[in-house]
PDB file of N, CA and C in Angstrom:
ATOM      1  N   MET A   1       0.842  -1.149   0.000  1.00  0.00           N
ATOM      2  CA  MET A   1       0.000   0.000   0.000  1.00  0.00           C
ATOM      3  C   MET A   1       0.897   1.223   0.000  1.00  0.00           C
ATOM      4  N   ARG A   2       0.440   2.259  -0.654  1.00  0.00           N
ATOM      5  CA  ARG A   2       1.176   3.524  -0.653  1.00  0.00           C
ATOM      6  C   ARG A   2       0.424   4.491   0.245  1.00  0.00           C
ATOM      7  N   VAL A   3       1.125   5.010   1.220  1.00  0.00           N
ATOM      8  CA  VAL A   3       0.575   6.031   2.105  1.00  0.00           C
ATOM      9  C   VAL A   3       1.205   7.347   1.684  1.00  0.00           C
ATOM     10  N   LEU A   4       0.364   8.319   1.354  1.00  0.00           N
ATOM     11  CA  LEU A   4       0.917   9.597   0.903  1.00  0.00           C
ATOM     12  C   LEU A   4       0.179  10.763   1.538  1.00  0.00           C
ATOM     13  N   GLY A   5       0.796  11.913   1.454  1.00  0.00           N
ATOM     14  CA  GLY A   5       0.198  13.130   1.974  1.00  0.00           C
ATOM     15  C   GLY A   5       0.492  13.388   3.444  1.00  0.00           C
ATOM     16  N   VAL A   6       1.433  12.654   4.008  1.00  0.00           N
ATOM     17  CA  VAL A   6       1.791  12.861   5.409  1.00  0.00           C
ATOM     18  C   VAL A   6       2.660  14.113   5.500  1.00  0.00           C
ATOM     19  N   PRO A   7       2.320  15.049   6.394  1.00  0.00           N
ATOM     20  CA  PRO A   7       3.142  16.249   6.537  1.00  0.00           C
ATOM     21  C   PRO A   7       4.587  15.893   6.902  1.00  0.00           C
ATOM     22  N   ILE A   8       5.498  16.685   6.418  1.00  0.00           N
ATOM     23  CA  ILE A   8       6.928  16.411   6.609  1.00  0.00           C
ATOM     24  C   ILE A   8       7.296  16.298   8.089  1.00  0.00           C
ATOM     25  N   HIS A   9       6.728  17.152   8.932  1.00  0.00           N
ATOM     26  CA  HIS A   9       7.101  17.106  10.344  1.00  0.00           C
ATOM     27  C   HIS A   9       6.573  15.856  11.057  1.00  0.00           C
ATOM     28  N   LEU A  10       5.663  15.123  10.441  1.00  0.00           N
ATOM     29  CA  LEU A  10       5.161  13.866  10.999  1.00  0.00           C
ATOM     30  C   LEU A  10       5.706  12.645  10.261  1.00  0.00           C
ATOM     31  N   SER A  11       6.585  12.871   9.319  1.00  0.00           N
ATOM     32  CA  SER A  11       7.109  11.791   8.486  1.00  0.00           C
ATOM     33  C   SER A  11       8.058  10.913   9.296  1.00  0.00           C
ATOM     34  N   ASP A  12       7.535   9.769   9.734  1.00  0.00           N
ATOM     35  CA  ASP A  12       8.288   8.828  10.547  1.00  0.00           C
ATOM     36  C   ASP A  12       7.787   7.429  10.207  1.00  0.00           C
ATOM     37  N   ASN A  13       8.642   6.438  10.278  1.00  0.00           N
ATOM     38  CA  ASN A  13       8.239   5.077   9.942  1.00  0.00           C
ATOM     39  C   ASN A  13       7.099   4.589  10.829  1.00  0.00           C
ATOM     40  N   LYS A  14       7.094   4.965  12.105  1.00  0.00           N
ATOM     41  CA  LYS A  14       6.021   4.553  13.012  1.00  0.00           C
ATOM     42  C   LYS A  14       4.676   5.140  12.582  1.00  0.00           C
ATOM     43  N   VAL A  15       4.680   6.373  12.105  1.00  0.00           N
ATOM     44  CA  VAL A  15       3.443   7.019  11.654  1.00  0.00           C
ATOM     45  C   VAL A  15       2.902   6.310  10.418  1.00  0.00           C
ATOM     46  N   PHE A  16       3.762   6.061   9.442  1.00  0.00           N
ATOM     47  CA  PHE A  16       3.336   5.358   8.231  1.00  0.00           C
ATOM     48  C   PHE A  16       2.815   3.955   8.564  1.00  0.00           C
ATOM     49  N   ASP A  17       3.511   3.248   9.438  1.00  0.00           N
ATOM     50  CA  ASP A  17       3.090   1.897   9.812  1.00  0.00           C
ATOM     51  C   ASP A  17       1.769   1.911  10.568  1.00  0.00           C
ATOM     52  N   SER A  18       1.556   2.896  11.414  1.00  0.00           N
ATOM     53  CA  SER A  18       0.293   2.947  12.156  1.00  0.00           C
ATOM     54  C   SER A  18      -0.882   3.246  11.230  1.00  0.00           C
ATOM     55  N   ILE A  19      -0.667   4.044  10.205  1.00  0.00           N
ATOM     56  CA  ILE A  19      -1.721   4.312   9.220  1.00  0.00           C
ATOM     57  C   ILE A  19      -2.031   3.037   8.435  1.00  0.00           C
ATOM     58  N   ALA A  20      -1.005   2.361   7.951  1.00  0.00           N
ATOM     59  CA  ALA A  20      -1.208   1.135   7.180  1.00  0.00           C
ATOM     60  C   ALA A  20      -1.831   0.039   8.037  1.00  0.00           C
ATOM     61  N   GLY A  21      -1.507   0.019   9.315  1.00  0.00           N
ATOM     62  CA  GLY A  21      -2.045  -0.979  10.231  1.00  0.00           C
ATOM     63  C   GLY A  21      -3.547  -0.882  10.420  1.00  0.00           C
ATOM     64  N   LEU A  22      -4.138   0.242  10.047  1.00  0.00           N
ATOM     65  CA  LEU A  22      -5.591   0.392  10.122  1.00  0.00           C
ATOM     66  C   LEU A  22      -6.298  -0.477   9.087  1.00  0.00           C
ATOM     67  N   TYR A  23      -5.597  -0.893   8.041  1.00  0.00           N
ATOM     68  CA  TYR A  23      -6.213  -1.595   6.920  1.00  0.00           C
ATOM     69  C   TYR A  23      -5.815  -3.064   6.797  1.00  0.00           C
ATOM     70  N   GLY A  24      -4.832  -3.502   7.556  1.00  0.00           N
ATOM     71  CA  GLY A  24      -4.417  -4.897   7.479  1.00  0.00           C
ATOM     72  C   GLY A  24      -3.183  -5.153   8.319  1.00  0.00           C
ATOM     73  N   LYS A  25      -2.692  -6.384   8.225  1.00  0.00           N
ATOM     74  CA  LYS A  25      -1.501  -6.780   8.967  1.00  0.00           C
ATOM     75  C   LYS A  25      -0.254  -6.394   8.180  1.00  0.00           C
ATOM     76  N   ILE A  26       0.660  -5.700   8.817  1.00  0.00           N
ATOM     77  CA  ILE A  26       1.883  -5.244   8.159  1.00  0.00           C
ATOM     78  C   ILE A  26       2.856  -6.409   8.027  1.00  0.00           C
ATOM     79  N   VAL A  27       3.290  -6.671   6.801  1.00  0.00           N
ATOM     80  CA  VAL A  27       4.289  -7.710   6.549  1.00  0.00           C
ATOM     81  C   VAL A  27       5.632  -7.107   6.140  1.00  0.00           C
ATOM     82  N   HIS A  28       5.619  -5.889   5.643  1.00  0.00           N
ATOM     83  CA  HIS A  28       6.853  -5.166   5.313  1.00  0.00           C
ATOM     84  C   HIS A  28       6.635  -3.705   5.670  1.00  0.00           C
ATOM     85  N   GLY A  29       7.261  -3.269   6.739  1.00  0.00           N
ATOM     86  CA  GLY A  29       7.046  -1.921   7.256  1.00  0.00           C
ATOM     87  C   GLY A  29       7.675  -0.832   6.403  1.00  0.00           C
ATOM     88  N   SER A  30       7.350   0.375   6.765  1.00  0.00           N
ATOM     89  CA  SER A  30       7.865   1.558   6.078  1.00  0.00           C
ATOM     90  C   SER A  30       9.373   1.674   6.279  1.00  0.00           C
ATOM     91  N   SER A  31      10.052   2.192   5.272  1.00  0.00           N
ATOM     92  CA  SER A  31      11.502   2.397   5.373  1.00  0.00           C
ATOM     93  C   SER A  31      11.876   3.761   4.811  1.00  0.00           C
ATOM     94  N   VAL A  32      11.129   4.777   5.212  1.00  0.00           N
ATOM     95  CA  VAL A  32      11.404   6.124   4.745  1.00  0.00           C
ATOM     96  C   VAL A  32      12.637   6.672   5.482  1.00  0.00           C
ATOM     97  N   SER A  33      13.474   7.402   4.753  1.00  0.00           N
ATOM     98  CA  SER A  33      14.659   8.008   5.359  1.00  0.00           C
ATOM     99  C   SER A  33      14.912   9.364   4.719  1.00  0.00           C
ATOM    100  N   ALA A  34      15.702  10.160   5.367  1.00  0.00           N
ATOM    101  CA  ALA A  34      15.990  11.515   4.890  1.00  0.00           C
ATOM    102  C   ALA A  34      16.712  11.501   3.540  1.00  0.00           C
ATOM    103  N   GLU A  35      17.446  10.435   3.244  1.00  0.00           N
ATOM    104  CA  GLU A  35      18.181  10.351   1.975  1.00  0.00           C
ATOM    105  C   GLU A  35      17.261  10.144   0.779  1.00  0.00           C
ATOM    106  N   ASP A  36      16.013   9.731   1.007  1.00  0.00           N
ATOM    107  CA  ASP A  36      15.078   9.477  -0.087  1.00  0.00           C
ATOM    108  C   ASP A  36      14.703  10.752  -0.830  1.00  0.00           C
ATOM    109  N   GLY A  37      14.729  11.875  -0.152  1.00  0.00           N
ATOM    110  CA  GLY A  37      14.404  13.151  -0.793  1.00  0.00           C
ATOM    111  C   GLY A  37      12.938  13.527  -0.695  1.00  0.00           C
ATOM    112  N   ASN A  38      12.019  12.563  -0.754  1.00  0.00           N
ATOM    113  CA  ASN A  38      10.596  12.846  -0.641  1.00  0.00           C
ATOM    114  C   ASN A  38      10.052  12.088   0.553  1.00  0.00           C
ATOM    115  N   LEU A  39       9.790  12.802   1.634  1.00  0.00           N
ATOM    116  CA  LEU A  39       9.338  12.176   2.867  1.00  0.00           C
ATOM    117  C   LEU A  39       7.822  12.203   3.030  1.00  0.00           C
ATOM    118  N   SER A  40       7.088  12.571   1.984  1.00  0.00           N
ATOM    119  CA  SER A  40       5.642  12.708   2.121  1.00  0.00           C
ATOM    120  C   SER A  40       4.882  11.422   1.782  1.00  0.00           C
ATOM    121  N   PHE A  41       5.574  10.338   1.372  1.00  0.00           N
ATOM    122  CA  PHE A  41       4.884   9.076   1.112  1.00  0.00           C
ATOM    123  C   PHE A  41       5.819   7.901   1.384  1.00  0.00           C
ATOM    124  N   SER A  42       5.211   6.720   1.526  1.00  0.00           N
ATOM    125  CA  SER A  42       5.982   5.503   1.748  1.00  0.00           C
ATOM    126  C   SER A  42       5.185   4.304   1.250  1.00  0.00           C
ATOM    127  N   TRP A  43       5.891   3.258   0.840  1.00  0.00           N
ATOM    128  CA  TRP A  43       5.270   1.991   0.445  1.00  0.00           C
ATOM    129  C   TRP A  43       5.355   1.037   1.623  1.00  0.00           C
ATOM    130  N   ILE A  44       4.248   0.336   1.901  1.00  0.00           N
ATOM    131  CA  ILE A  44       4.179  -0.609   3.007  1.00  0.00           C
ATOM    132  C   ILE A  44       3.455  -1.858   2.522  1.00  0.00           C
ATOM    133  N   GLY A  45       3.994  -3.021   2.846  1.00  0.00           N
ATOM    134  CA  GLY A  45       3.338  -4.275   2.477  1.00  0.00           C
ATOM    135  C   GLY A  45       2.384  -4.714   3.570  1.00  0.00           C
ATOM    136  N   ILE A  46       1.113  -4.955   3.203  1.00  0.00           N
ATOM    137  CA  ILE A  46       0.119  -5.404   4.178  1.00  0.00           C
ATOM    138  C   ILE A  46      -0.674  -6.585   3.633  1.00  0.00           C
ATOM    139  N   LEU A  47      -1.229  -7.371   4.548  1.00  0.00           N
ATOM    140  CA  LEU A  47      -2.167  -8.436   4.209  1.00  0.00           C
ATOM    141  C   LEU A  47      -3.561  -7.971   4.594  1.00  0.00           C
ATOM    142  N   VAL A  48      -4.497  -8.099   3.660  1.00  0.00           N
ATOM    143  CA  VAL A  48      -5.874  -7.683   3.926  1.00  0.00           C
ATOM    144  C   VAL A  48      -6.803  -8.874   3.736  1.00  0.00           C
ATOM    145  N   GLY A  49      -8.005  -8.789   4.289  1.00  0.00           N
ATOM    146  CA  GLY A  49      -8.969  -9.868   4.187  1.00  0.00           C
ATOM    147  C   GLY A  49      -9.685  -9.927   2.854  1.00  0.00           C
ATOM    148  N   GLU A  50      -9.710  -8.812   2.128  1.00  0.00           N
ATOM    149  CA  GLU A  50     -10.394  -8.738   0.842  1.00  0.00           C
ATOM    150  C   GLU A  50      -9.392  -8.365  -0.230  1.00  0.00           C
ATOM    151  N   GLY A  51      -9.720  -8.672  -1.484  1.00  0.00           N
ATOM    152  CA  GLY A  51      -8.814  -8.380  -2.576  1.00  0.00           C
ATOM    153  C   GLY A  51      -9.055  -7.055  -3.264  1.00  0.00           C
ATOM    154  N   ASP A  52     -10.033  -6.278  -2.794  1.00  0.00           N
ATOM    155  CA  ASP A  52     -10.337  -4.997  -3.430  1.00  0.00           C
ATOM    156  C   ASP A  52      -9.265  -3.961  -3.117  1.00  0.00           C
ATOM    157  N   ARG A  53      -9.138  -2.992  -4.002  1.00  0.00           N
ATOM    158  CA  ARG A  53      -8.221  -1.891  -3.768  1.00  0.00           C
ATOM    159  C   ARG A  53      -8.728  -1.021  -2.619  1.00  0.00           C
ATOM    160  N   ILE A  54      -7.806  -0.459  -1.903  1.00  0.00           N
ATOM    161  CA  ILE A  54      -8.160   0.419  -0.788  1.00  0.00           C
ATOM    162  C   ILE A  54      -8.125   1.853  -1.296  1.00  0.00           C
ATOM    163  N   HIS A  55      -9.274   2.497  -1.295  1.00  0.00           N
ATOM    164  CA  HIS A  55      -9.374   3.913  -1.663  1.00  0.00           C
ATOM    165  C   HIS A  55     -10.008   4.609  -0.467  1.00  0.00           C
ATOM    166  N   ASP A  56      -9.181   5.099   0.417  1.00  0.00           N
ATOM    167  CA  ASP A  56      -9.687   5.702   1.642  1.00  0.00           C
ATOM    168  C   ASP A  56      -8.732   6.788   2.084  1.00  0.00           C
ATOM    169  N   HIS A  57      -9.127   7.533   3.081  1.00  0.00           N
ATOM    170  CA  HIS A  57      -8.250   8.553   3.639  1.00  0.00           C
ATOM    171  C   HIS A  57      -8.365   8.535   5.159  1.00  0.00           C
ATOM    172  N   VAL A  58      -7.332   9.017   5.799  1.00  0.00           N
ATOM    173  CA  VAL A  58      -7.270   9.094   7.248  1.00  0.00           C
ATOM    174  C   VAL A  58      -6.945  10.535   7.608  1.00  0.00           C
ATOM    175  N   SER A  59      -7.683  11.094   8.537  1.00  0.00           N
ATOM    176  CA  SER A  59      -7.397  12.438   9.025  1.00  0.00           C
ATOM    177  C   SER A  59      -6.469  12.337  10.232  1.00  0.00           C
ATOM    178  N   MET A  60      -5.366  13.054  10.168  1.00  0.00           N
ATOM    179  CA  MET A  60      -4.397  13.033  11.265  1.00  0.00           C
ATOM    180  C   MET A  60      -4.572  14.279  12.110  1.00  0.00           C
ATOM    181  N   SER A  61      -4.515  14.082  13.418  1.00  0.00           N
ATOM    182  CA  SER A  61      -4.609  15.242  14.318  1.00  0.00           C
ATOM    183  C   SER A  61      -3.605  15.124  15.434  1.00  0.00           C
TER     184      SER A  61
END
């Protein structure tokens, strides 16, 4: 799953993993780092119960 739109000041592997964890079991966690250049998104591998694409959003506060 691709998680995007996370504000730079909240860009942390734990934040990306917690967002992805809302939709399934994480099998490959986020590996975002400062060397990547773009900290606003990350790819995370998850297992879900259904095969449909996930089109949803999460509001962060």
